[in-house]
Amino acid sequence: MTAHLARVATALGLAAAALAVTTSPAGAAPQPMGQCTTSSGVVLAVDFSHWGGPVYRSCGTTPTTGYELLNQGGWATTGTGHDGPAFICRIGYSGYQGGKQYPTPQQDDCVLTPPASAYWSYWHAGPGADTWEYSQLGAMLYKPEPGSVDLWIFGGTDIEGTRGRPTVTPGQLRAHNDRPTGGGQPAPEDSRSAPALPPGTDTGPAPKRPTPTPSAPVSPSPSTSASPSPSATATPTPSASTAAPTPRTRVLDAAPAADAEHDAGSYLPAVATGALVLLVGGAAVYAARRRRRTE
C-alpha cells in the first residue's frame, strides 16, 4: 500500500508539472518595432492610460496567439482563480513601473471574473483596417494576421464592445513601413511625461487643425470713398477650436526585454483539477486490487 501511494504521489507531481508546462506561453519571438511592417509581424498594444500611463506597443512574430504576445519580450499576464490563465486579469510590462501588473492586487484580487465595468477588453484591427473589432475569441484562441494590430484597454466595455471602445486609432499604432527598419527605442520611464515620442516612432497622422475661415469683407457704403479705410475690412478671427488642439495620445515603443516570471497562482485551477482526477483514479485502482485479493 505504501509503495502504491508513493507511485500515486509521484504521478500527481508529474501531472502538476506537465499541466504547468502546457499552460505556459509558447515562444513567440519578440522583435524591435521596426521589424513589423504592413504585411509582416503583429503589433501588440496595451493602453495603461487608466493608471496615467501611455500606450505601449511592441512587435511579435506570426503565427502566434494573442496570449503568447502578452507573455514574451518583457510582457506578462495573470489570469483569474475562477477561469485560469486564459482570462487576462492583469497585464504588466517590464519597462513600465518595474513590471508591475495592473490592476494591482489591491484593485482586483483576480479570484473571480472581473465585471464588465473594469476588465481588460481585447480588440483587433486587420491589415490596413482603420476601425477596431471587439474580439470574439479569447487570447489563447485568437491568432492575429500578419500586418495586424492587437489592442488591450482597461475600463468599462460591455461584452458586445458597443460601449467603451478604444479612443486611440489603429493608424496610430500599426506599422506603416513596407520593409523592416531599425526601429526606435522606448523613452526612459522618468521622461514619460514628455510629449515628444522617441526617434523613429510612427504613431500615424497627427490630428488635423481646422483652417481659420476669414470673415467676408465689409462693403463700403455710398458715402465712403473708393479707397476703404484700414478698418473697413474685418480682420479674420481664429475659431475657438484652433486655440486648444486635440491632445495626442502618448504611444511609446516597448523594446523586447527578458521575459518576466509568470504568476503560478493562475495555474492552480488546472493543476488542482488534474491532481483530483489522478487521485480519484488512483483510489479506484487501489480499491479494485483489494477486491480482487479478497475474492
C-alpha atoms as a PDB file:
ATOM      1  CA  MET A   1       0.000   0.000   0.000  1.00  0.00           C
ATOM      2  CA  THR A   2       2.847   2.343   0.866  1.00  0.00           C
ATOM      3  CA  ALA A   3       4.543   1.696  -2.477  1.00  0.00           C
ATOM      4  CA  HIS A   4       1.271   2.237  -4.313  1.00  0.00           C
ATOM      5  CA  LEU A   5       0.643   5.561  -2.557  1.00  0.00           C
ATOM      6  CA  ALA A   6       4.198   6.616  -3.395  1.00  0.00           C
ATOM      7  CA  ARG A   7       3.537   5.869  -7.080  1.00  0.00           C
ATOM      8  CA  VAL A   8       0.313   7.867  -6.929  1.00  0.00           C
ATOM      9  CA  ALA A   9       2.125  10.828  -5.306  1.00  0.00           C
ATOM     10  CA  THR A  10       4.829  10.688  -7.984  1.00  0.00           C
ATOM     11  CA  ALA A  11       2.186  10.640 -10.703  1.00  0.00           C
ATOM     12  CA  LEU A  12       0.465  13.640  -9.141  1.00  0.00           C
ATOM     13  CA  GLY A  13       3.702  15.605  -9.097  1.00  0.00           C
ATOM     14  CA  LEU A  14       4.438  14.787 -12.725  1.00  0.00           C
ATOM     15  CA  ALA A  15       0.901  15.698 -13.730  1.00  0.00           C
ATOM     16  CA  ALA A  16       1.116  19.057 -11.980  1.00  0.00           C
ATOM     17  CA  ALA A  17       4.425  19.809 -13.683  1.00  0.00           C
ATOM     18  CA  ALA A  18       3.061  18.759 -17.075  1.00  0.00           C
ATOM     19  CA  LEU A  19      -0.020  20.935 -16.677  1.00  0.00           C
ATOM     20  CA  ALA A  20       2.106  23.907 -15.705  1.00  0.00           C
ATOM     21  CA  VAL A  21       4.256  23.408 -18.799  1.00  0.00           C
ATOM     22  CA  THR A  22       1.322  23.017 -21.168  1.00  0.00           C
ATOM     23  CA  THR A  23      -0.349  26.161 -19.888  1.00  0.00           C
ATOM     24  CA  SER A  24       2.804  28.283 -20.040  1.00  0.00           C
ATOM     25  CA  PRO A  25       3.125  30.526 -23.122  1.00  0.00           C
ATOM     26  CA  ALA A  26       4.849  29.325 -26.267  1.00  0.00           C
ATOM     27  CA  GLY A  27       7.804  31.155 -27.704  1.00  0.00           C
ATOM     28  CA  ALA A  28       6.502  33.940 -29.915  1.00  0.00           C
ATOM     29  CA  ALA A  29       9.686  35.748 -30.875  1.00  0.00           C
ATOM     30  CA  PRO A  30       9.670  39.430 -29.802  1.00  0.00           C
ATOM     31  CA  GLN A  31      11.129  41.945 -32.253  1.00  0.00           C
ATOM     32  CA  PRO A  32      12.005  45.669 -32.246  1.00  0.00           C
ATOM     33  CA  MET A  33       9.068  47.732 -33.515  1.00  0.00           C
ATOM     34  CA  GLY A  34      10.875  48.478 -36.754  1.00  0.00           C
ATOM     35  CA  GLN A  35      10.708  44.788 -37.699  1.00  0.00           C
ATOM     36  CA  CYS A  36       6.920  44.912 -38.023  1.00  0.00           C
ATOM     37  CA  THR A  37       5.649  46.018 -41.433  1.00  0.00           C
ATOM     38  CA  THR A  38       2.320  46.477 -43.191  1.00  0.00           C
ATOM     39  CA  SER A  39       2.363  42.794 -44.142  1.00  0.00           C
ATOM     40  CA  SER A  40       4.542  41.012 -41.570  1.00  0.00           C
ATOM     41  CA  GLY A  41       4.569  40.632 -37.814  1.00  0.00           C
ATOM     42  CA  VAL A  42       1.812  41.757 -35.481  1.00  0.00           C
ATOM     43  CA  VAL A  43       1.744  44.872 -33.304  1.00  0.00           C
ATOM     44  CA  LEU A  44       0.722  44.348 -29.682  1.00  0.00           C
ATOM     45  CA  ALA A  45      -0.525  47.491 -27.917  1.00  0.00           C
ATOM     46  CA  VAL A  46      -1.565  47.868 -24.270  1.00  0.00           C
ATOM     47  CA  ASP A  47      -3.232  51.038 -23.009  1.00  0.00           C
ATOM     48  CA  PHE A  48      -2.191  51.944 -19.441  1.00  0.00           C
ATOM     49  CA  SER A  49      -3.949  55.327 -19.515  1.00  0.00           C
ATOM     50  CA  HIS A  50      -6.401  54.146 -16.831  1.00  0.00           C
ATOM     51  CA  TRP A  51      -3.459  54.478 -14.421  1.00  0.00           C
ATOM     52  CA  GLY A  52      -1.987  57.614 -16.012  1.00  0.00           C
ATOM     53  CA  GLY A  53       0.440  55.734 -18.255  1.00  0.00           C
ATOM     54  CA  PRO A  54       0.996  55.698 -22.011  1.00  0.00           C
ATOM     55  CA  VAL A  55       0.053  53.205 -24.681  1.00  0.00           C
ATOM     56  CA  TYR A  56       2.933  50.779 -25.173  1.00  0.00           C
ATOM     57  CA  ARG A  57       3.317  48.897 -28.427  1.00  0.00           C
ATOM     58  CA  SER A  58       5.640  46.070 -29.405  1.00  0.00           C
ATOM     59  CA  CYS A  59       6.241  43.765 -32.348  1.00  0.00           C
ATOM     60  CA  GLY A  60       5.918  39.986 -32.366  1.00  0.00           C
ATOM     61  CA  THR A  61       6.295  37.298 -34.987  1.00  0.00           C
ATOM     62  CA  THR A  62       3.440  35.344 -36.544  1.00  0.00           C
ATOM     63  CA  PRO A  63       1.875  32.827 -36.498  1.00  0.00           C
ATOM     64  CA  THR A  64       1.183  33.147 -32.808  1.00  0.00           C
ATOM     65  CA  THR A  65      -1.697  33.755 -30.412  1.00  0.00           C
ATOM     66  CA  GLY A  66      -2.753  36.847 -28.526  1.00  0.00           C
ATOM     67  CA  TYR A  67      -1.791  35.114 -25.279  1.00  0.00           C
ATOM     68  CA  GLU A  68       1.739  34.371 -26.468  1.00  0.00           C
ATOM     69  CA  LEU A  69       2.221  38.001 -27.487  1.00  0.00           C
ATOM     70  CA  LEU A  70       1.245  39.089 -23.971  1.00  0.00           C
ATOM     71  CA  ASN A  71       3.746  36.731 -22.352  1.00  0.00           C
ATOM     72  CA  GLN A  72       7.039  37.350 -24.173  1.00  0.00           C
ATOM     73  CA  GLY A  73       9.565  40.109 -24.611  1.00  0.00           C
ATOM     74  CA  GLY A  74       9.040  41.588 -21.144  1.00  0.00           C
ATOM     75  CA  TRP A  75       5.226  41.243 -21.107  1.00  0.00           C
ATOM     76  CA  ALA A  76       3.438  39.117 -18.507  1.00  0.00           C
ATOM     77  CA  THR A  77      -0.148  38.399 -17.524  1.00  0.00           C
ATOM     78  CA  THR A  78      -2.122  36.903 -14.648  1.00  0.00           C
ATOM     79  CA  GLY A  79      -5.377  35.018 -15.066  1.00  0.00           C
ATOM     80  CA  THR A  80      -8.180  34.545 -12.569  1.00  0.00           C
ATOM     81  CA  GLY A  81      -8.566  31.832  -9.983  1.00  0.00           C
ATOM     82  CA  HIS A  82     -12.004  31.054 -11.409  1.00  0.00           C
ATOM     83  CA  ASP A  83     -11.118  30.904 -15.124  1.00  0.00           C
ATOM     84  CA  GLY A  84      -7.372  30.192 -15.131  1.00  0.00           C
ATOM     85  CA  PRO A  85      -4.657  31.948 -17.177  1.00  0.00           C
ATOM     86  CA  ALA A  86      -6.806  32.210 -20.330  1.00  0.00           C
ATOM     87  CA  PHE A  87      -8.845  35.056 -18.829  1.00  0.00           C
ATOM     88  CA  ILE A  88      -6.497  38.053 -18.768  1.00  0.00           C
ATOM     89  CA  CYS A  89      -6.962  39.782 -15.403  1.00  0.00           C
ATOM     90  CA  ARG A  90      -3.631  41.641 -15.100  1.00  0.00           C
ATOM     91  CA  ILE A  91      -1.062  42.873 -17.624  1.00  0.00           C
ATOM     92  CA  GLY A  92       2.428  44.198 -16.972  1.00  0.00           C
ATOM     93  CA  TYR A  93       5.477  45.271 -18.983  1.00  0.00           C
ATOM     94  CA  SER A  94       8.977  45.134 -17.508  1.00  0.00           C
ATOM     95  CA  GLY A  95       9.776  48.603 -18.876  1.00  0.00           C
ATOM     96  CA  TYR A  96       6.825  50.265 -17.128  1.00  0.00           C
ATOM     97  CA  GLN A  97       6.700  50.725 -13.357  1.00  0.00           C
ATOM     98  CA  GLY A  98       9.241  47.940 -12.862  1.00  0.00           C
ATOM     99  CA  GLY A  99       6.987  45.318 -14.430  1.00  0.00           C
ATOM    100  CA  LYS A 100       4.073  45.907 -12.033  1.00  0.00           C
ATOM    101  CA  GLN A 101       0.922  44.277 -13.328  1.00  0.00           C
ATOM    102  CA  TYR A 102      -2.362  46.177 -13.497  1.00  0.00           C
ATOM    103  CA  PRO A 103      -4.862  46.247 -11.943  1.00  0.00           C
ATOM    104  CA  THR A 104      -2.916  45.740  -8.729  1.00  0.00           C
ATOM    105  CA  PRO A 105      -3.950  43.102  -6.154  1.00  0.00           C
ATOM    106  CA  GLN A 106      -5.467  45.900  -4.077  1.00  0.00           C
ATOM    107  CA  GLN A 107      -7.669  46.898  -7.018  1.00  0.00           C
ATOM    108  CA  ASP A 108      -8.651  43.363  -8.066  1.00  0.00           C
ATOM    109  CA  ASP A 109      -7.659  40.102  -6.373  1.00  0.00           C
ATOM    110  CA  CYS A 110      -8.232  38.227  -9.682  1.00  0.00           C
ATOM    111  CA  VAL A 111     -10.086  35.415  -7.950  1.00  0.00           C
ATOM    112  CA  LEU A 112     -13.424  35.817  -9.723  1.00  0.00           C
ATOM    113  CA  THR A 113     -14.187  37.037 -13.246  1.00  0.00           C
ATOM    114  CA  PRO A 114     -13.971  40.868 -13.308  1.00  0.00           C
ATOM    115  CA  PRO A 115     -17.150  42.855 -14.058  1.00  0.00           C
ATOM    116  CA  ALA A 116     -17.764  44.492 -17.436  1.00  0.00           C
ATOM    117  CA  SER A 117     -17.129  47.862 -15.806  1.00  0.00           C
ATOM    118  CA  ALA A 118     -13.475  47.088 -15.030  1.00  0.00           C
ATOM    119  CA  TYR A 119     -11.677  44.498 -17.167  1.00  0.00           C
ATOM    120  CA  TRP A 120      -9.140  44.208 -20.000  1.00  0.00           C
ATOM    121  CA  SER A 121     -11.072  44.178 -23.279  1.00  0.00           C
ATOM    122  CA  TYR A 122      -9.446  42.743 -26.394  1.00  0.00           C
ATOM    123  CA  TRP A 123      -9.572  44.432 -29.829  1.00  0.00           C
ATOM    124  CA  HIS A 124      -8.226  43.701 -33.314  1.00  0.00           C
ATOM    125  CA  ALA A 125      -7.571  45.692 -36.483  1.00  0.00           C
ATOM    126  CA  GLY A 126      -6.687  43.668 -39.557  1.00  0.00           C
ATOM    127  CA  PRO A 127      -4.029  44.692 -42.106  1.00  0.00           C
ATOM    128  CA  GLY A 128      -4.926  48.173 -43.393  1.00  0.00           C
ATOM    129  CA  ALA A 129      -8.156  48.376 -41.355  1.00  0.00           C
ATOM    130  CA  ASP A 130      -8.979  51.751 -39.784  1.00  0.00           C
ATOM    131  CA  THR A 131     -11.613  50.502 -37.311  1.00  0.00           C
ATOM    132  CA  TRP A 132     -11.434  48.238 -34.259  1.00  0.00           C
ATOM    133  CA  GLU A 133     -13.212  44.903 -33.932  1.00  0.00           C
ATOM    134  CA  TYR A 134     -14.107  43.568 -30.485  1.00  0.00           C
ATOM    135  CA  SER A 135     -12.548  40.123 -30.131  1.00  0.00           C
ATOM    136  CA  GLN A 136     -14.945  37.216 -30.366  1.00  0.00           C
ATOM    137  CA  LEU A 137     -12.259  34.785 -29.170  1.00  0.00           C
ATOM    138  CA  GLY A 138     -10.097  34.574 -26.079  1.00  0.00           C
ATOM    139  CA  ALA A 139      -6.401  35.400 -26.164  1.00  0.00           C
ATOM    140  CA  MET A 140      -5.357  31.735 -26.253  1.00  0.00           C
ATOM    141  CA  LEU A 141      -7.531  31.011 -29.304  1.00  0.00           C
ATOM    142  CA  TYR A 142      -7.133  34.146 -31.415  1.00  0.00           C
ATOM    143  CA  LYS A 143      -4.313  34.148 -33.978  1.00  0.00           C
ATOM    144  CA  PRO A 144      -3.657  37.644 -35.363  1.00  0.00           C
ATOM    145  CA  GLU A 145      -2.881  38.108 -39.046  1.00  0.00           C
ATOM    146  CA  PRO A 146       0.486  39.404 -40.266  1.00  0.00           C
ATOM    147  CA  GLY A 147       0.324  43.186 -40.510  1.00  0.00           C
ATOM    148  CA  SER A 148      -2.499  43.487 -37.960  1.00  0.00           C
ATOM    149  CA  VAL A 149      -2.775  45.182 -34.553  1.00  0.00           C
ATOM    150  CA  ASP A 150      -3.872  43.755 -31.204  1.00  0.00           C
ATOM    151  CA  LEU A 151      -5.017  46.225 -28.534  1.00  0.00           C
ATOM    152  CA  TRP A 152      -5.878  45.742 -24.852  1.00  0.00           C
ATOM    153  CA  ILE A 153      -7.686  48.522 -22.990  1.00  0.00           C
ATOM    154  CA  PHE A 154      -8.918  48.598 -19.390  1.00  0.00           C
ATOM    155  CA  GLY A 155     -12.200  50.098 -18.272  1.00  0.00           C
ATOM    156  CA  GLY A 156     -15.922  49.881 -18.857  1.00  0.00           C
ATOM    157  CA  THR A 157     -16.578  47.900 -22.046  1.00  0.00           C
ATOM    158  CA  ASP A 158     -19.757  45.890 -22.459  1.00  0.00           C
ATOM    159  CA  ILE A 159     -19.469  42.309 -23.651  1.00  0.00           C
ATOM    160  CA  GLU A 160     -20.563  43.243 -27.197  1.00  0.00           C
ATOM    161  CA  GLY A 161     -17.985  46.021 -27.478  1.00  0.00           C
ATOM    162  CA  THR A 162     -20.633  48.626 -28.320  1.00  0.00           C
ATOM    163  CA  ARG A 163     -19.640  50.811 -25.358  1.00  0.00           C
ATOM    164  CA  GLY A 164     -16.183  51.661 -24.072  1.00  0.00           C
ATOM    165  CA  ARG A 165     -14.490  51.484 -27.467  1.00  0.00           C
ATOM    166  CA  PRO A 166     -10.817  52.489 -27.878  1.00  0.00           C
ATOM    167  CA  THR A 167     -10.040  56.174 -28.321  1.00  0.00           C
ATOM    168  CA  VAL A 168      -6.685  55.530 -29.994  1.00  0.00           C
ATOM    169  CA  THR A 169      -6.932  54.604 -33.686  1.00  0.00           C
ATOM    170  CA  PRO A 170      -5.347  51.603 -35.446  1.00  0.00           C
ATOM    171  CA  GLY A 171      -3.378  54.055 -37.590  1.00  0.00           C
ATOM    172  CA  GLN A 172      -1.656  55.462 -34.521  1.00  0.00           C
ATOM    173  CA  LEU A 173      -0.382  52.015 -33.566  1.00  0.00           C
ATOM    174  CA  ARG A 174       0.211  49.949 -36.668  1.00  0.00           C
ATOM    175  CA  ALA A 175       3.454  49.723 -38.635  1.00  0.00           C
ATOM    176  CA  HIS A 176       3.425  51.883 -41.774  1.00  0.00           C
ATOM    177  CA  ASN A 177       6.749  50.771 -43.256  1.00  0.00           C
ATOM    178  CA  ASP A 178       6.658  48.193 -46.057  1.00  0.00           C
ATOM    179  CA  ARG A 179      10.010  46.685 -45.103  1.00  0.00           C
ATOM    180  CA  PRO A 180      11.792  46.173 -41.755  1.00  0.00           C
ATOM    181  CA  THR A 181      13.682  49.157 -40.374  1.00  0.00           C
ATOM    182  CA  GLY A 182      15.973  49.780 -37.421  1.00  0.00           C
ATOM    183  CA  GLY A 183      13.043  50.929 -35.272  1.00  0.00           C
ATOM    184  CA  GLY A 184      13.124  53.247 -32.288  1.00  0.00           C
ATOM    185  CA  GLN A 185      13.852  52.712 -28.624  1.00  0.00           C
ATOM    186  CA  PRO A 186      11.408  53.486 -25.817  1.00  0.00           C
ATOM    187  CA  ALA A 187      11.827  56.663 -23.825  1.00  0.00           C
ATOM    188  CA  PRO A 188      13.226  56.259 -20.295  1.00  0.00           C
ATOM    189  CA  GLU A 189      10.482  55.787 -17.748  1.00  0.00           C
ATOM    190  CA  ASP A 190      11.477  59.001 -15.953  1.00  0.00           C
ATOM    191  CA  SER A 191      10.619  61.012 -19.068  1.00  0.00           C
ATOM    192  CA  ARG A 192       7.197  59.512 -19.693  1.00  0.00           C
ATOM    193  CA  SER A 193       5.539  62.877 -19.162  1.00  0.00           C
ATOM    194  CA  ALA A 194       7.425  64.405 -22.098  1.00  0.00           C
ATOM    195  CA  PRO A 195       5.080  64.901 -25.056  1.00  0.00           C
ATOM    196  CA  ALA A 196       7.759  64.076 -27.635  1.00  0.00           C
ATOM    197  CA  LEU A 197       7.936  60.464 -28.865  1.00  0.00           C
ATOM    198  CA  PRO A 198      11.184  58.505 -29.263  1.00  0.00           C
ATOM    199  CA  PRO A 199      13.032  58.848 -32.605  1.00  0.00           C
ATOM    200  CA  GLY A 200      11.629  56.502 -35.237  1.00  0.00           C
ATOM    201  CA  THR A 201       8.258  56.048 -33.523  1.00  0.00           C
ATOM    202  CA  ASP A 202       5.423  56.206 -36.047  1.00  0.00           C
ATOM    203  CA  THR A 203       2.045  56.866 -34.469  1.00  0.00           C
ATOM    204  CA  GLY A 204       0.101  57.674 -37.606  1.00  0.00           C
ATOM    205  CA  PRO A 205      -1.203  61.031 -38.803  1.00  0.00           C
ATOM    206  CA  ALA A 206      -1.340  63.905 -36.343  1.00  0.00           C
ATOM    207  CA  PRO A 207      -4.737  65.422 -35.525  1.00  0.00           C
ATOM    208  CA  LYS A 208      -5.763  67.974 -38.132  1.00  0.00           C
ATOM    209  CA  ARG A 209      -6.322  71.556 -37.076  1.00  0.00           C
ATOM    210  CA  PRO A 210      -9.266  73.390 -38.627  1.00  0.00           C
ATOM    211  CA  THR A 211      -8.241  76.136 -41.048  1.00  0.00           C
ATOM    212  CA  PRO A 212      -9.462  79.580 -39.876  1.00  0.00           C
ATOM    213  CA  THR A 213     -12.147  80.981 -42.180  1.00  0.00           C
ATOM    214  CA  PRO A 214     -11.838  84.756 -42.666  1.00  0.00           C
ATOM    215  CA  SER A 215     -14.955  86.857 -42.371  1.00  0.00           C
ATOM    216  CA  ALA A 216     -16.374  88.397 -45.528  1.00  0.00           C
ATOM    217  CA  PRO A 217     -15.085  91.941 -46.245  1.00  0.00           C
ATOM    218  CA  VAL A 218     -17.399  94.774 -45.317  1.00  0.00           C
ATOM    219  CA  SER A 219     -18.851  96.507 -48.390  1.00  0.00           C
ATOM    220  CA  PRO A 220     -18.262 100.265 -48.428  1.00  0.00           C
ATOM    221  CA  SER A 221     -21.335 102.470 -48.007  1.00  0.00           C
ATOM    222  CA  PRO A 222     -22.208 105.026 -50.739  1.00  0.00           C
ATOM    223  CA  SER A 223     -20.753 107.820 -48.647  1.00  0.00           C
ATOM    224  CA  THR A 224     -17.417 106.067 -48.312  1.00  0.00           C
ATOM    225  CA  SER A 225     -14.579 106.949 -50.664  1.00  0.00           C
ATOM    226  CA  ALA A 226     -13.357 104.476 -53.276  1.00  0.00           C
ATOM    227  CA  SER A 227     -10.340 103.600 -51.138  1.00  0.00           C
ATOM    228  CA  PRO A 228     -11.621 101.913 -47.968  1.00  0.00           C
ATOM    229  CA  SER A 229     -10.016 102.807 -44.710  1.00  0.00           C
ATOM    230  CA  PRO A 230      -7.962 100.171 -42.843  1.00  0.00           C
ATOM    231  CA  SER A 231     -10.938  99.492 -40.603  1.00  0.00           C
ATOM    232  CA  ALA A 232     -13.299  98.869 -43.477  1.00  0.00           C
ATOM    233  CA  THR A 233     -12.253  95.227 -43.826  1.00  0.00           C
ATOM    234  CA  ALA A 234     -12.864  92.848 -40.906  1.00  0.00           C
ATOM    235  CA  THR A 235      -9.839  91.060 -39.514  1.00  0.00           C
ATOM    236  CA  PRO A 236     -10.115  87.231 -39.616  1.00  0.00           C
ATOM    237  CA  THR A 237     -10.602  85.821 -36.136  1.00  0.00           C
ATOM    238  CA  PRO A 238      -9.442  82.259 -35.417  1.00  0.00           C
ATOM    239  CA  SER A 239     -12.211  79.974 -34.279  1.00  0.00           C
ATOM    240  CA  ALA A 240     -12.252  78.685 -30.721  1.00  0.00           C
ATOM    241  CA  SER A 241     -11.315  75.188 -31.921  1.00  0.00           C
ATOM    242  CA  THR A 242      -7.852  76.367 -33.010  1.00  0.00           C
ATOM    243  CA  ALA A 243      -6.974  77.665 -29.557  1.00  0.00           C
ATOM    244  CA  ALA A 244      -6.585  74.204 -27.989  1.00  0.00           C
ATOM    245  CA  PRO A 245      -5.594  71.359 -30.378  1.00  0.00           C
ATOM    246  CA  THR A 246      -6.774  67.856 -29.631  1.00  0.00           C
ATOM    247  CA  PRO A 247      -4.365  66.114 -27.212  1.00  0.00           C
ATOM    248  CA  ARG A 248      -2.203  63.499 -28.873  1.00  0.00           C
ATOM    249  CA  THR A 249      -2.256  60.026 -27.391  1.00  0.00           C
ATOM    250  CA  ARG A 250       1.131  59.080 -25.953  1.00  0.00           C
ATOM    251  CA  VAL A 251       2.386  55.993 -27.769  1.00  0.00           C
ATOM    252  CA  LEU A 252       5.746  54.514 -26.777  1.00  0.00           C
ATOM    253  CA  ASP A 253       7.640  51.577 -28.250  1.00  0.00           C
ATOM    254  CA  ALA A 254       8.220  48.682 -25.874  1.00  0.00           C
ATOM    255  CA  ALA A 255      11.643  47.232 -26.658  1.00  0.00           C
ATOM    256  CA  PRO A 256      11.978  43.438 -26.266  1.00  0.00           C
ATOM    257  CA  ALA A 257      13.158  42.567 -22.754  1.00  0.00           C
ATOM    258  CA  ALA A 258      13.777  39.479 -20.659  1.00  0.00           C
ATOM    259  CA  ASP A 259      10.619  37.514 -20.020  1.00  0.00           C
ATOM    260  CA  ALA A 260       9.109  38.147 -16.617  1.00  0.00           C
ATOM    261  CA  GLU A 261       8.169  35.362 -14.229  1.00  0.00           C
ATOM    262  CA  HIS A 262       4.605  34.220 -14.684  1.00  0.00           C
ATOM    263  CA  ASP A 263       2.148  34.093 -11.824  1.00  0.00           C
ATOM    264  CA  ALA A 264       1.993  30.434 -10.822  1.00  0.00           C
ATOM    265  CA  GLY A 265      -1.193  31.118  -8.916  1.00  0.00           C
ATOM    266  CA  SER A 266      -3.118  31.433 -12.154  1.00  0.00           C
ATOM    267  CA  TYR A 267      -2.294  27.800 -12.992  1.00  0.00           C
ATOM    268  CA  LEU A 268      -3.736  26.397  -9.756  1.00  0.00           C
ATOM    269  CA  PRO A 269      -7.229  25.620 -11.114  1.00  0.00           C
ATOM    270  CA  ALA A 270      -5.820  23.414 -13.891  1.00  0.00           C
ATOM    271  CA  VAL A 271      -3.265  21.741 -11.638  1.00  0.00           C
ATOM    272  CA  ALA A 272      -5.821  21.100  -8.906  1.00  0.00           C
ATOM    273  CA  THR A 273      -8.253  19.577 -11.401  1.00  0.00           C
ATOM    274  CA  GLY A 274      -5.619  17.262 -12.830  1.00  0.00           C
ATOM    275  CA  ALA A 275      -4.449  16.236  -9.365  1.00  0.00           C
ATOM    276  CA  LEU A 276      -8.014  15.480  -8.273  1.00  0.00           C
ATOM    277  CA  VAL A 277      -8.623  13.317 -11.347  1.00  0.00           C
ATOM    278  CA  LEU A 278      -5.452  11.340 -10.735  1.00  0.00           C
ATOM    279  CA  LEU A 279      -6.200  10.990  -7.044  1.00  0.00           C
ATOM    280  CA  VAL A 280      -9.681   9.614  -7.695  1.00  0.00           C
ATOM    281  CA  GLY A 281      -8.360   7.319 -10.401  1.00  0.00           C
ATOM    282  CA  GLY A 282      -5.594   6.020  -8.144  1.00  0.00           C
ATOM    283  CA  ALA A 283      -8.045   5.333  -5.345  1.00  0.00           C
ATOM    284  CA  ALA A 284     -10.306   3.414  -7.720  1.00  0.00           C
ATOM    285  CA  VAL A 285      -7.419   1.277  -8.959  1.00  0.00           C
ATOM    286  CA  TYR A 286      -6.322   0.544  -5.393  1.00  0.00           C
ATOM    287  CA  ALA A 287      -9.857  -0.423  -4.362  1.00  0.00           C
ATOM    288  CA  ALA A 288     -10.192  -2.723  -7.369  1.00  0.00           C
ATOM    289  CA  ARG A 289      -6.952  -4.523  -6.495  1.00  0.00           C
ATOM    290  CA  ARG A 290      -8.070  -5.012  -2.888  1.00  0.00           C
ATOM    291  CA  ARG A 291     -11.362  -6.544  -4.072  1.00  0.00           C
ATOM    292  CA  ARG A 292      -9.530  -8.977  -6.364  1.00  0.00           C
ATOM    293  CA  ARG A 293      -7.274 -10.052  -3.478  1.00  0.00           C
ATOM    294  CA  THR A 294     -10.210 -10.732  -1.151  1.00  0.00           C
ATOM    295  CA  GLU A 295     -12.203 -12.717  -3.735  1.00  0.00           C
END
